[in-house]
Amino acid sequence: MDTWTNNTPKPLCFILLIPILLFLIGCSLENNIEQSHDTETILFQSSSRGEKKLVAAFLSIPKVMVSPVPLIITQHGSSRDGIRFPNSTGKTDEFSSRIIKTGIDRGFAVVAIDAFYKTDLKPNNKGQFPNAYQYALDLKHIFSTDPRFDSKNIFYTGFSYGARQVNKSVGVMVERPNSVPWRSVASIEPGCNVINEPIKVSFPILLIKGSESHYYPEPCYYFTEMVRKSGNTIKMEVINGANHFFSSNGRIINGLAFNGCRYNPVIKISSGSFVFSDGSITSREEIRQKCFTKEGGSGKDRVFLDGVVNTVVDFFQENIISK
């Protein structure tokens, strides 16, 4: 990689070229999206912890379709490093960007939620992240009455922070009676350091982890067993050699991560209280002290990511209810 020394001025044309190139790359991504399928950017009101929020979502629909079509709702992780929503400041991550492309190619409509829309949230603001599962529920309700989409075949997936939201779908305190249920859900690289006490639900669950993730697999094994013992159908797959970003070049770095309760995850029980898996009662303050670490992860060659995305869409296709 070329570097500039302190005593060597950067050519003005080089300085001007960088933002132009970034703009053109962004435009190219948006144009490719719009050319391959019809798109809409949607703004809707939802709530997080009692506070009303304006949320953005990016809907992609196959250009040639026979309504109603199955729908995937996808949720970004803590970094929105994927596509920008056309004609909007909304963004999503690389996982959801690839879910959009693959889902459309397989006959799904796909909608990506920007849970950080109109906020200044950054990946290191983990304690301030909203309850995006409520956003997904509200969006599911909106689209379940839209004749373009098959209300019996609405799916939900997410990566990292988004996967934490997916895990809430089996939580004792969040399942809504009389609502259209998910057809199936896929949780991709959740941390599982804090998990909701599970209940029996009507849909199957897929959970995928990387064996070299800095969000270590052990608490997710524990979560999977809890969900299974509650009477649910759940499958956990571990990608050998993959880090948190489903890359082969992963390493541990200094960075904020919620991964310190690897061998004693926290369970949010039906009363709203928290207990460690060893049975000891805990508090939010103790959870912050014990579960936050400076063991971050890096490496984003993402050589395993397309395989993961295909596995997710395969799982959804296997669970479609035919008309």
Protein backbone atom coordinates (compact mmCIF):
# COMPACT_ATOMS: atom_id res chain seq x y z
CA MET A 1 0.00 0.00 0.00
CA ASP A 2 1.41 3.44 -0.92
CA THR A 3 1.84 5.92 1.90
CA TRP A 4 2.56 9.63 2.00
CA THR A 5 5.38 10.99 4.17
CA ASN A 6 4.83 14.09 6.26
CA ASN A 7 7.15 16.22 4.10
CA THR A 8 5.64 15.17 0.77
CA PRO A 9 2.53 17.11 -0.24
CA LYS A 10 -0.34 15.09 -1.66
CA PRO A 11 -1.21 16.03 -5.24
CA LEU A 12 -4.46 17.98 -5.39
CA CYS A 13 -5.83 15.70 -8.11
CA PHE A 14 -5.32 12.68 -5.80
CA ILE A 15 -7.19 14.38 -2.98
CA LEU A 16 -10.08 15.28 -5.26
CA LEU A 17 -10.18 11.84 -6.87
CA ILE A 18 -10.89 9.90 -3.65
CA PRO A 19 -14.37 11.34 -2.89
CA ILE A 20 -15.28 11.15 -6.60
CA LEU A 21 -14.37 7.47 -6.71
CA LEU A 22 -16.29 6.75 -3.51
CA PHE A 23 -19.33 8.54 -4.91
CA LEU A 24 -19.15 6.60 -8.18
CA ILE A 25 -18.77 3.28 -6.34
CA GLY A 26 -21.86 4.08 -4.24
CA CYS A 27 -23.82 5.07 -7.33
CA SER A 28 -22.76 1.89 -9.11
CA LEU A 29 -24.00 -0.29 -6.25
CA GLU A 30 -27.34 1.51 -6.14
CA ASN A 31 -27.77 1.35 -9.93
CA ASN A 32 -27.00 -2.39 -9.98
CA ILE A 33 -29.64 -2.94 -7.31
CA GLU A 34 -32.27 -0.93 -9.17
CA GLN A 35 -31.51 -2.60 -12.51
CA SER A 36 -31.81 -6.14 -11.17
CA HIS A 37 -35.12 -5.65 -9.35
CA ASP A 38 -37.68 -3.10 -8.22
CA THR A 39 -36.86 -1.22 -5.03
CA GLU A 40 -38.57 0.98 -2.47
CA THR A 41 -37.19 2.85 0.54
CA ILE A 42 -39.73 2.85 3.35
CA LEU A 43 -39.91 5.00 6.49
CA PHE A 44 -42.08 3.81 9.38
CA GLN A 45 -42.62 4.56 13.07
CA SER A 46 -41.67 1.98 15.66
CA SER A 47 -40.54 2.01 19.28
CA SER A 48 -37.50 0.96 21.27
CA ARG A 49 -37.75 0.71 25.05
CA GLY A 50 -40.80 2.96 25.10
CA GLU A 51 -39.39 5.66 22.80
CA LYS A 52 -40.81 6.30 19.33
CA LYS A 53 -38.31 5.99 16.51
CA LEU A 54 -38.29 6.67 12.77
CA VAL A 55 -36.93 3.57 11.05
CA ALA A 56 -35.83 3.11 7.43
CA ALA A 57 -36.18 -0.09 5.43
CA PHE A 58 -35.09 -0.98 1.91
CA LEU A 59 -37.43 -3.28 -0.01
CA SER A 60 -36.30 -5.25 -3.08
CA ILE A 61 -38.83 -7.13 -5.21
CA PRO A 62 -38.19 -9.43 -8.22
CA LYS A 63 -39.07 -7.62 -11.46
CA VAL A 64 -40.92 -10.70 -12.69
CA MET A 65 -43.07 -12.25 -9.97
CA VAL A 66 -46.39 -13.90 -9.38
CA SER A 67 -47.91 -12.39 -6.25
CA PRO A 68 -47.88 -13.15 -3.45
CA VAL A 69 -44.14 -13.84 -2.98
CA PRO A 70 -42.27 -15.00 0.13
CA LEU A 71 -40.51 -12.22 2.05
CA ILE A 72 -37.21 -12.13 3.97
CA ILE A 73 -36.67 -9.44 6.62
CA THR A 74 -32.96 -8.95 7.32
CA GLN A 75 -31.18 -7.00 10.08
CA HIS A 76 -27.69 -5.53 9.94
CA GLY A 77 -24.96 -5.93 12.55
CA SER A 78 -23.17 -3.18 14.47
CA SER A 79 -21.33 -2.01 11.31
CA ARG A 80 -23.40 -0.88 8.32
CA ASP A 81 -20.66 -1.68 5.82
CA GLY A 82 -22.85 -2.74 2.90
CA ILE A 83 -25.08 -0.91 0.43
CA ARG A 84 -26.69 2.48 0.89
CA PHE A 85 -30.44 2.74 0.39
CA PRO A 86 -31.10 4.58 -2.89
CA ASN A 87 -32.31 8.17 -2.39
CA SER A 88 -31.86 7.85 1.38
CA THR A 89 -29.22 8.05 4.11
CA GLY A 90 -30.20 4.53 5.20
CA LYS A 91 -27.62 1.72 5.09
CA THR A 92 -27.24 -1.96 5.79
CA ASP A 93 -24.31 -4.36 6.23
CA GLU A 94 -22.47 -6.75 3.92
CA PHE A 95 -24.46 -9.78 5.12
CA SER A 96 -27.83 -8.18 4.36
CA SER A 97 -26.51 -6.84 1.03
CA ARG A 98 -25.72 -10.40 -0.05
CA ILE A 99 -29.03 -11.70 1.33
CA ILE A 100 -30.78 -9.17 -0.93
CA LYS A 101 -28.98 -10.37 -4.05
CA THR A 102 -29.27 -14.09 -3.32
CA GLY A 103 -32.84 -13.85 -2.07
CA ILE A 104 -33.98 -12.00 -5.18
CA ASP A 105 -32.21 -14.53 -7.40
CA ARG A 106 -34.16 -17.30 -5.61
CA GLY A 107 -37.59 -15.66 -5.93
CA PHE A 108 -37.90 -13.91 -2.55
CA ALA A 109 -38.65 -10.28 -1.86
CA VAL A 110 -36.16 -8.93 0.69
CA VAL A 111 -36.43 -5.97 3.06
CA ALA A 112 -33.42 -4.69 5.03
CA ILE A 113 -33.96 -2.66 8.21
CA ASP A 114 -31.67 0.23 9.17
CA ALA A 115 -32.04 0.20 12.95
CA PHE A 116 -29.55 3.10 13.27
CA TYR A 117 -31.35 5.41 10.84
CA LYS A 118 -30.97 9.11 11.77
CA THR A 119 -28.71 8.29 14.72
CA ASP A 120 -24.99 8.69 15.39
CA LEU A 121 -24.58 5.12 16.65
CA LYS A 122 -21.22 3.49 16.01
CA PRO A 123 -20.07 -0.13 16.58
CA ASN A 124 -18.54 0.80 19.96
CA ASN A 125 -21.87 2.19 21.24
CA LYS A 126 -23.16 -1.33 21.95
CA GLY A 127 -24.88 -0.34 25.20
CA GLN A 128 -27.05 2.16 23.29
CA PHE A 129 -28.25 -0.09 20.46
CA PRO A 130 -32.05 -0.13 20.04
CA ASN A 131 -34.40 -3.07 20.40
CA ALA A 132 -34.54 -3.75 16.67
CA TYR A 133 -36.65 -6.86 17.15
CA GLN A 134 -39.64 -4.57 17.72
CA TYR A 135 -38.81 -2.88 14.40
CA ALA A 136 -38.89 -6.28 12.69
CA LEU A 137 -42.24 -7.17 14.29
CA ASP A 138 -43.79 -3.89 13.18
CA LEU A 139 -42.44 -4.33 9.65
CA LYS A 140 -43.76 -7.90 9.55
CA HIS A 141 -47.18 -6.59 10.54
CA ILE A 142 -47.07 -3.93 7.79
CA PHE A 143 -46.14 -6.41 5.07
CA SER A 144 -48.43 -9.22 6.24
CA THR A 145 -51.38 -7.16 4.98
CA ASP A 146 -49.70 -6.21 1.68
CA PRO A 147 -51.14 -8.36 -1.15
CA ARG A 148 -47.76 -8.54 -2.90
CA PHE A 149 -46.37 -10.76 -0.13
CA ASP A 150 -47.33 -14.17 1.21
CA SER A 151 -48.14 -13.66 4.90
CA LYS A 152 -47.63 -17.39 5.54
CA ASN A 153 -44.04 -17.17 4.31
CA ILE A 154 -42.29 -14.31 6.08
CA PHE A 155 -38.73 -15.09 7.20
CA TYR A 156 -36.29 -13.30 9.49
CA THR A 157 -32.50 -13.23 9.60
CA GLY A 158 -29.71 -11.05 10.92
CA PHE A 159 -25.97 -10.89 11.53
CA SER A 160 -24.20 -10.25 14.88
CA TYR A 161 -26.29 -7.51 16.57
CA GLY A 162 -29.00 -8.43 14.06
CA ALA A 163 -28.68 -12.08 15.10
CA ARG A 164 -29.25 -11.06 18.72
CA GLN A 165 -32.59 -9.61 17.55
CA VAL A 166 -33.42 -12.87 15.76
CA ASN A 167 -32.72 -14.83 18.96
CA LYS A 168 -35.38 -12.72 20.71
CA SER A 169 -37.98 -14.35 18.45
CA VAL A 170 -38.02 -17.36 20.81
CA GLY A 171 -37.95 -15.23 23.97
CA VAL A 172 -40.64 -15.67 26.59
CA MET A 173 -41.38 -11.94 26.82
CA VAL A 174 -41.53 -10.98 23.14
CA GLU A 175 -43.67 -13.50 21.26
CA ARG A 176 -46.92 -11.73 20.31
CA PRO A 177 -50.21 -13.64 20.48
CA ASN A 178 -52.50 -13.43 17.45
CA SER A 179 -49.74 -12.08 15.20
CA VAL A 180 -48.59 -13.65 11.94
CA PRO A 181 -45.73 -15.96 13.01
CA TRP A 182 -42.37 -16.20 11.29
CA ARG A 183 -42.12 -19.10 8.88
CA SER A 184 -38.52 -19.70 9.98
CA VAL A 185 -35.62 -17.61 11.31
CA ALA A 186 -31.82 -17.70 10.87
CA SER A 187 -29.46 -16.25 13.48
CA ILE A 188 -26.01 -15.59 12.01
CA GLU A 189 -23.06 -15.09 14.39
CA PRO A 190 -24.95 -14.02 17.52
CA GLY A 191 -22.92 -13.43 20.67
CA CYS A 192 -25.32 -15.41 22.95
CA ASN A 193 -23.74 -13.86 26.07
CA VAL A 194 -27.22 -12.60 27.04
CA ILE A 195 -30.11 -14.82 26.00
CA ASN A 196 -33.84 -14.71 26.61
CA GLU A 197 -35.52 -17.57 28.40
CA PRO A 198 -37.03 -19.46 25.44
CA ILE A 199 -40.57 -20.64 24.86
CA LYS A 200 -41.98 -23.09 22.33
CA VAL A 201 -42.66 -21.41 18.98
CA SER A 202 -44.19 -22.63 15.73
CA PHE A 203 -41.17 -22.09 13.47
CA PRO A 204 -37.75 -23.75 13.02
CA ILE A 205 -34.50 -21.93 13.83
CA LEU A 206 -31.07 -22.00 12.17
CA LEU A 207 -28.00 -20.68 14.02
CA ILE A 208 -24.59 -20.35 12.33
CA LYS A 209 -21.27 -19.58 14.03
CA GLY A 210 -17.64 -19.33 12.97
CA SER A 211 -15.26 -21.62 14.86
CA GLU A 212 -12.67 -18.81 15.17
CA SER A 213 -15.09 -16.04 16.12
CA HIS A 214 -14.15 -13.69 18.96
CA TYR A 215 -17.80 -14.17 19.94
CA TYR A 216 -16.99 -17.69 21.03
CA PRO A 217 -19.38 -20.56 20.19
CA GLU A 218 -19.80 -21.93 23.74
CA PRO A 219 -22.71 -19.71 24.89
CA CYS A 220 -24.51 -20.38 21.61
CA TYR A 221 -24.23 -24.13 22.23
CA TYR A 222 -25.87 -23.45 25.60
CA PHE A 223 -28.60 -21.30 23.99
CA THR A 224 -29.26 -23.94 21.31
CA GLU A 225 -29.73 -26.64 23.93
CA MET A 226 -32.11 -24.41 25.93
CA VAL A 227 -34.19 -23.71 22.82
CA ARG A 228 -34.27 -27.41 21.94
CA LYS A 229 -35.34 -28.41 25.47
CA SER A 230 -38.22 -25.92 25.16
CA GLY A 231 -39.65 -28.08 22.39
CA ASN A 232 -38.31 -26.20 19.39
CA THR A 233 -36.64 -27.33 16.20
CA ILE A 234 -33.21 -25.70 16.05
CA LYS A 235 -30.06 -26.50 14.09
CA MET A 236 -26.65 -25.00 14.90
CA GLU A 237 -23.87 -25.09 12.33
CA VAL A 238 -20.25 -24.08 12.96
CA ILE A 239 -18.09 -23.03 9.98
CA ASN A 240 -14.61 -24.40 10.58
CA GLY A 241 -11.87 -21.79 10.20
CA ALA A 242 -14.26 -18.82 9.98
CA ASN A 243 -14.06 -15.78 12.21
CA HIS A 244 -16.96 -13.53 13.25
CA PHE A 245 -17.09 -12.01 9.76
CA PHE A 246 -16.91 -15.45 8.08
CA SER A 247 -13.36 -14.72 6.98
CA SER A 248 -10.22 -16.84 6.95
CA ASN A 249 -7.84 -14.06 8.03
CA GLY A 250 -9.23 -13.42 11.50
CA ARG A 251 -7.24 -12.31 14.52
CA ILE A 252 -7.95 -10.99 18.02
CA ILE A 253 -7.39 -7.25 18.44
CA ASN A 254 -7.97 -4.60 21.09
CA GLY A 255 -11.61 -3.57 20.71
CA LEU A 256 -14.91 -3.46 22.62
CA ALA A 257 -16.87 -6.72 22.51
CA PHE A 258 -19.69 -8.22 24.55
CA ASN A 259 -18.08 -11.66 24.89
CA GLY A 260 -16.88 -11.98 28.47
CA CYS A 261 -19.61 -14.38 29.65
CA ARG A 262 -18.41 -17.17 27.41
CA TYR A 263 -18.80 -19.97 29.95
CA ASN A 264 -21.57 -18.47 32.10
CA PRO A 265 -24.06 -16.66 29.84
CA VAL A 266 -26.79 -14.42 31.21
CA ILE A 267 -30.45 -15.44 30.91
CA LYS A 268 -33.28 -12.90 30.92
CA ILE A 269 -36.15 -14.74 32.59
CA SER A 270 -39.92 -14.23 32.36
CA SER A 271 -40.00 -11.79 35.30
CA GLY A 272 -37.59 -9.48 33.48
CA SER A 273 -34.74 -10.28 35.88
CA PHE A 274 -31.34 -11.62 34.91
CA VAL A 275 -29.58 -14.75 36.12
CA PHE A 276 -26.32 -16.37 35.08
CA SER A 277 -26.56 -19.88 33.69
CA ASP A 278 -25.04 -21.16 36.98
CA GLY A 279 -28.21 -19.90 38.72
CA SER A 280 -26.79 -16.80 40.42
CA ILE A 281 -28.86 -13.61 40.22
CA THR A 282 -27.22 -10.65 38.54
CA SER A 283 -27.82 -7.02 37.59
CA ARG A 284 -27.31 -4.89 34.49
CA GLU A 285 -24.28 -3.28 36.08
CA GLU A 286 -22.64 -6.61 36.88
CA ILE A 287 -23.44 -7.83 33.36
CA ARG A 288 -21.68 -4.80 31.88
CA GLN A 289 -18.67 -5.38 34.12
CA LYS A 290 -18.35 -9.10 33.38
CA CYS A 291 -19.53 -9.45 29.80
CA PHE A 292 -17.85 -6.47 28.10
CA THR A 293 -14.21 -7.08 27.18
CA LYS A 294 -11.51 -5.55 24.98
CA GLU A 295 -11.20 -8.76 22.95
CA GLY A 296 -12.26 -7.59 19.53
CA GLY A 297 -11.88 -9.31 16.19
CA SER A 298 -10.63 -8.32 12.75
CA GLY A 299 -10.20 -9.83 9.29
CA LYS A 300 -12.71 -9.33 6.50
CA ASP A 301 -11.75 -11.36 3.46
CA ARG A 302 -15.21 -12.98 3.89
CA VAL A 303 -14.33 -16.11 1.94
CA PHE A 304 -17.03 -18.11 3.79
CA LEU A 305 -19.81 -15.50 3.63
CA ASP A 306 -21.42 -16.46 0.32
CA GLY A 307 -21.68 -20.05 1.53
CA VAL A 308 -23.39 -18.86 4.72
CA VAL A 309 -25.82 -16.68 2.77
CA ASN A 310 -26.70 -19.59 0.48
CA THR A 311 -27.25 -21.84 3.51
CA VAL A 312 -29.67 -19.28 4.98
CA VAL A 313 -31.68 -18.94 1.76
CA ASP A 314 -31.65 -22.75 1.30
CA PHE A 315 -33.09 -23.06 4.83
CA PHE A 316 -35.85 -20.59 4.04
CA GLN A 317 -36.69 -22.30 0.76
CA GLU A 318 -36.93 -25.66 2.53
CA ASN A 319 -39.50 -24.19 4.92
CA ILE A 320 -41.79 -22.42 2.44
CA ILE A 321 -45.41 -23.43 2.78
CA SER A 322 -46.74 -24.06 -0.71
CA LYS A 323 -50.08 -22.55 -1.70
